[in-house]
Amino acid sequence: MAVPHNTYSMQAIIRYDGRLVDVLDRIRAITLVLMVHIEKDLGTEKELITIKVMTPHSPKNTFYGIRQWSLGKIETLKDMQLQESTLTRLF
């Protein structure tokens, strides 16, 4: 029996070193991630991004899994914070 997958949109603030394109490409490469795009430039090496994911898990657990993987694997990513009020289920 197939597990139902839900699509969620969430915004996160990321801090990084180096090239933003490299960081976003590595986040896009995560299996659950459908799309990543920049919402707002928040200053030097800090961006507000939107991440859309498809997952059978809860959205918060999915974000924290993506965050843990990203911080462990992407050397130039310093921090990633979920904006709790932006967590939305898409249909």
N, C-alpha and C. Protein backbone atom coordinates (compact mmCIF):
# COMPACT_ATOMS: atom_id res chain seq x y z
N MET A 1 0.84 -1.17 0.00
CA MET A 1 0.00 0.00 0.00
C MET A 1 0.89 1.24 0.00
N ALA A 2 0.58 2.18 -0.83
CA ALA A 2 1.39 3.39 -0.95
C ALA A 2 1.09 4.36 0.19
N VAL A 3 2.12 5.03 0.62
CA VAL A 3 2.00 6.04 1.67
C VAL A 3 1.66 7.37 1.00
N PRO A 4 0.64 8.09 1.50
CA PRO A 4 0.30 9.38 0.88
C PRO A 4 1.40 10.42 1.13
N HIS A 5 1.72 11.16 0.10
CA HIS A 5 2.70 12.22 0.19
C HIS A 5 1.98 13.56 0.12
N ASN A 6 2.37 14.49 0.97
CA ASN A 6 1.80 15.83 0.96
C ASN A 6 2.88 16.82 0.52
N THR A 7 2.43 17.90 -0.08
CA THR A 7 3.36 18.93 -0.54
C THR A 7 3.24 20.13 0.40
N TYR A 8 4.39 20.63 0.82
CA TYR A 8 4.44 21.76 1.74
C TYR A 8 5.37 22.84 1.20
N SER A 9 5.07 24.07 1.55
CA SER A 9 5.93 25.20 1.25
C SER A 9 6.36 25.80 2.58
N MET A 10 7.61 26.15 2.69
CA MET A 10 8.13 26.74 3.92
C MET A 10 9.24 27.73 3.56
N GLN A 11 9.39 28.73 4.39
CA GLN A 11 10.46 29.69 4.18
C GLN A 11 11.50 29.53 5.27
N ALA A 12 12.75 29.75 4.88
CA ALA A 12 13.86 29.63 5.82
C ALA A 12 14.85 30.75 5.55
N ILE A 13 15.51 31.16 6.60
CA ILE A 13 16.61 32.12 6.48
C ILE A 13 17.90 31.32 6.51
N ILE A 14 18.73 31.52 5.48
CA ILE A 14 20.01 30.82 5.44
C ILE A 14 21.14 31.83 5.53
N ARG A 15 22.22 31.40 6.18
CA ARG A 15 23.47 32.16 6.20
C ARG A 15 24.51 31.25 5.58
N TYR A 16 25.35 31.81 4.74
CA TYR A 16 26.30 31.00 3.97
C TYR A 16 27.59 31.77 3.72
N ASP A 17 28.61 31.03 3.30
CA ASP A 17 29.88 31.59 2.82
C ASP A 17 29.98 31.25 1.35
N GLY A 18 30.62 32.10 0.59
CA GLY A 18 30.86 31.75 -0.81
C GLY A 18 29.70 32.07 -1.72
N ARG A 19 29.46 31.14 -2.67
CA ARG A 19 28.46 31.37 -3.72
C ARG A 19 27.09 30.84 -3.31
N LEU A 20 26.08 31.69 -3.42
CA LEU A 20 24.71 31.30 -3.09
C LEU A 20 24.20 30.22 -4.04
N VAL A 21 24.53 30.31 -5.30
CA VAL A 21 24.06 29.34 -6.30
C VAL A 21 24.49 27.93 -5.92
N ASP A 22 25.70 27.77 -5.45
CA ASP A 22 26.18 26.44 -5.05
C ASP A 22 25.36 25.89 -3.88
N VAL A 23 25.05 26.73 -2.90
CA VAL A 23 24.27 26.30 -1.74
C VAL A 23 22.87 25.89 -2.19
N LEU A 24 22.22 26.71 -3.00
CA LEU A 24 20.86 26.39 -3.46
C LEU A 24 20.83 25.12 -4.30
N ASP A 25 21.82 24.93 -5.15
CA ASP A 25 21.88 23.71 -5.96
C ASP A 25 22.00 22.47 -5.10
N ARG A 26 22.78 22.54 -4.05
CA ARG A 26 22.95 21.39 -3.16
C ARG A 26 21.67 21.10 -2.38
N ILE A 27 20.94 22.16 -1.99
CA ILE A 27 19.65 21.96 -1.30
C ILE A 27 18.65 21.34 -2.28
N ARG A 28 18.64 21.81 -3.53
CA ARG A 28 17.74 21.26 -4.55
C ARG A 28 17.99 19.77 -4.81
N ALA A 29 19.21 19.31 -4.57
CA ALA A 29 19.58 17.93 -4.84
C ALA A 29 19.02 16.95 -3.80
N ILE A 30 18.49 17.44 -2.70
CA ILE A 30 17.90 16.58 -1.67
C ILE A 30 16.64 15.93 -2.25
N THR A 31 16.46 14.67 -2.00
CA THR A 31 15.39 13.88 -2.61
C THR A 31 13.99 14.46 -2.38
N LEU A 32 13.67 14.92 -1.20
CA LEU A 32 12.33 15.41 -0.89
C LEU A 32 12.04 16.80 -1.44
N VAL A 33 13.07 17.55 -1.81
CA VAL A 33 12.91 18.94 -2.22
C VAL A 33 12.47 19.02 -3.68
N LEU A 34 11.38 19.74 -3.92
CA LEU A 34 10.87 19.96 -5.27
C LEU A 34 11.43 21.24 -5.88
N MET A 35 11.55 22.29 -5.05
CA MET A 35 11.95 23.59 -5.57
C MET A 35 12.54 24.45 -4.45
N VAL A 36 13.51 25.28 -4.82
CA VAL A 36 14.08 26.26 -3.90
C VAL A 36 14.22 27.55 -4.67
N HIS A 37 13.74 28.65 -4.09
CA HIS A 37 14.00 29.93 -4.74
C HIS A 37 14.17 31.05 -3.71
N ILE A 38 14.81 32.10 -4.14
CA ILE A 38 15.13 33.24 -3.27
C ILE A 38 13.92 34.15 -3.18
N GLU A 39 13.53 34.50 -1.96
CA GLU A 39 12.44 35.45 -1.74
C GLU A 39 12.97 36.86 -1.52
N LYS A 40 14.03 36.97 -0.70
CA LYS A 40 14.50 38.29 -0.33
C LYS A 40 15.96 38.23 0.09
N ASP A 41 16.72 39.24 -0.34
CA ASP A 41 18.10 39.39 0.09
C ASP A 41 18.09 40.11 1.44
N LEU A 42 18.66 39.50 2.45
CA LEU A 42 18.65 40.07 3.80
C LEU A 42 19.99 40.68 4.19
N GLY A 43 20.85 40.89 3.23
CA GLY A 43 22.15 41.48 3.53
C GLY A 43 23.27 40.56 3.09
N THR A 44 24.44 40.85 3.60
CA THR A 44 25.62 40.10 3.22
C THR A 44 25.52 38.65 3.64
N GLU A 45 25.53 37.75 2.65
CA GLU A 45 25.53 36.31 2.86
C GLU A 45 24.39 35.82 3.74
N LYS A 46 23.21 36.41 3.54
CA LYS A 46 22.02 36.01 4.28
C LYS A 46 20.82 36.19 3.35
N GLU A 47 20.00 35.14 3.20
CA GLU A 47 18.87 35.17 2.26
C GLU A 47 17.65 34.54 2.91
N LEU A 48 16.48 35.00 2.48
CA LEU A 48 15.22 34.34 2.79
C LEU A 48 14.86 33.51 1.57
N ILE A 49 14.71 32.20 1.76
CA ILE A 49 14.39 31.32 0.64
C ILE A 49 13.08 30.57 0.90
N THR A 50 12.44 30.14 -0.18
CA THR A 50 11.26 29.29 -0.09
C THR A 50 11.65 27.90 -0.57
N ILE A 51 11.25 26.90 0.21
CA ILE A 51 11.52 25.50 -0.12
C ILE A 51 10.18 24.79 -0.24
N LYS A 52 9.98 24.09 -1.35
CA LYS A 52 8.78 23.27 -1.51
C LYS A 52 9.22 21.81 -1.48
N VAL A 53 8.52 21.03 -0.64
CA VAL A 53 8.88 19.62 -0.45
C VAL A 53 7.66 18.73 -0.62
N MET A 54 7.90 17.48 -0.99
CA MET A 54 6.86 16.46 -1.01
C MET A 54 7.31 15.35 -0.08
N THR A 55 6.49 15.07 0.93
CA THR A 55 6.93 14.15 1.97
C THR A 55 5.77 13.39 2.59
N PRO A 56 6.00 12.16 3.05
CA PRO A 56 4.99 11.43 3.81
C PRO A 56 5.06 11.76 5.31
N HIS A 57 6.09 12.49 5.72
CA HIS A 57 6.33 12.83 7.13
C HIS A 57 5.70 14.18 7.47
N SER A 58 5.73 14.53 8.75
CA SER A 58 5.23 15.84 9.15
C SER A 58 6.15 16.93 8.59
N PRO A 59 5.62 18.11 8.31
CA PRO A 59 6.44 19.15 7.69
C PRO A 59 7.60 19.63 8.57
N LYS A 60 7.38 19.73 9.87
CA LYS A 60 8.46 20.17 10.75
C LYS A 60 9.59 19.14 10.79
N ASN A 61 9.23 17.87 10.90
CA ASN A 61 10.25 16.82 10.90
C ASN A 61 11.01 16.81 9.59
N THR A 62 10.31 17.03 8.49
CA THR A 62 10.95 17.09 7.19
C THR A 62 11.93 18.25 7.13
N PHE A 63 11.51 19.43 7.59
CA PHE A 63 12.41 20.58 7.57
C PHE A 63 13.65 20.30 8.41
N TYR A 64 13.47 19.76 9.62
CA TYR A 64 14.62 19.53 10.48
C TYR A 64 15.54 18.45 9.90
N GLY A 65 14.99 17.49 9.18
CA GLY A 65 15.82 16.51 8.47
C GLY A 65 16.62 17.16 7.36
N ILE A 66 15.97 18.03 6.58
CA ILE A 66 16.65 18.76 5.52
C ILE A 66 17.73 19.67 6.11
N ARG A 67 17.40 20.33 7.21
CA ARG A 67 18.36 21.22 7.88
C ARG A 67 19.58 20.44 8.36
N GLN A 68 19.34 19.32 9.02
CA GLN A 68 20.45 18.52 9.54
C GLN A 68 21.33 18.02 8.40
N TRP A 69 20.72 17.50 7.33
CA TRP A 69 21.50 17.02 6.19
C TRP A 69 22.28 18.15 5.56
N SER A 70 21.62 19.29 5.35
CA SER A 70 22.27 20.43 4.69
C SER A 70 23.46 20.95 5.49
N LEU A 71 23.27 21.14 6.78
CA LEU A 71 24.37 21.65 7.61
C LEU A 71 25.52 20.67 7.69
N GLY A 72 25.23 19.37 7.59
CA GLY A 72 26.27 18.36 7.64
C GLY A 72 27.01 18.18 6.32
N LYS A 73 26.33 18.38 5.20
CA LYS A 73 26.91 18.09 3.89
C LYS A 73 27.36 19.32 3.10
N ILE A 74 26.75 20.47 3.34
CA ILE A 74 27.09 21.67 2.58
C ILE A 74 28.05 22.51 3.43
N GLU A 75 29.30 22.47 3.06
CA GLU A 75 30.35 23.11 3.86
C GLU A 75 30.17 24.62 3.97
N THR A 76 29.62 25.24 2.94
CA THR A 76 29.50 26.70 2.93
C THR A 76 28.22 27.21 3.57
N LEU A 77 27.33 26.31 4.02
CA LEU A 77 26.11 26.70 4.70
C LEU A 77 26.37 26.80 6.19
N LYS A 78 26.17 27.99 6.76
CA LYS A 78 26.44 28.21 8.18
C LYS A 78 25.22 27.91 9.05
N ASP A 79 24.03 28.36 8.60
CA ASP A 79 22.84 28.22 9.43
C ASP A 79 21.60 28.21 8.55
N MET A 80 20.55 27.55 9.04
CA MET A 80 19.26 27.52 8.34
C MET A 80 18.18 27.56 9.42
N GLN A 81 17.30 28.58 9.36
CA GLN A 81 16.24 28.73 10.35
C GLN A 81 14.88 28.73 9.66
N LEU A 82 13.97 27.89 10.14
CA LEU A 82 12.61 27.84 9.62
C LEU A 82 11.82 29.03 10.13
N GLN A 83 11.09 29.68 9.25
CA GLN A 83 10.13 30.72 9.64
C GLN A 83 8.81 29.98 9.88
N GLU A 84 8.49 29.73 11.14
CA GLU A 84 7.36 28.88 11.52
C GLU A 84 6.03 29.33 10.90
N SER A 85 5.80 30.60 10.79
CA SER A 85 4.51 31.10 10.30
C SER A 85 4.32 30.88 8.80
N THR A 86 5.36 30.45 8.09
CA THR A 86 5.26 30.30 6.63
C THR A 86 5.01 28.85 6.20
N LEU A 87 4.89 27.95 7.15
CA LEU A 87 4.69 26.54 6.84
C LEU A 87 3.27 26.33 6.31
N THR A 88 3.13 25.94 5.05
CA THR A 88 1.83 25.85 4.39
C THR A 88 1.70 24.53 3.65
N ARG A 89 0.55 23.91 3.77
CA ARG A 89 0.29 22.70 2.98
C ARG A 89 -0.27 23.13 1.63
N LEU A 90 0.29 22.58 0.56
CA LEU A 90 -0.17 22.89 -0.78
C LEU A 90 -1.02 21.74 -1.29
N PHE A 91 -1.97 22.02 -2.12
CA PHE A 91 -2.84 20.98 -2.65
C PHE A 91 -2.54 20.69 -4.08
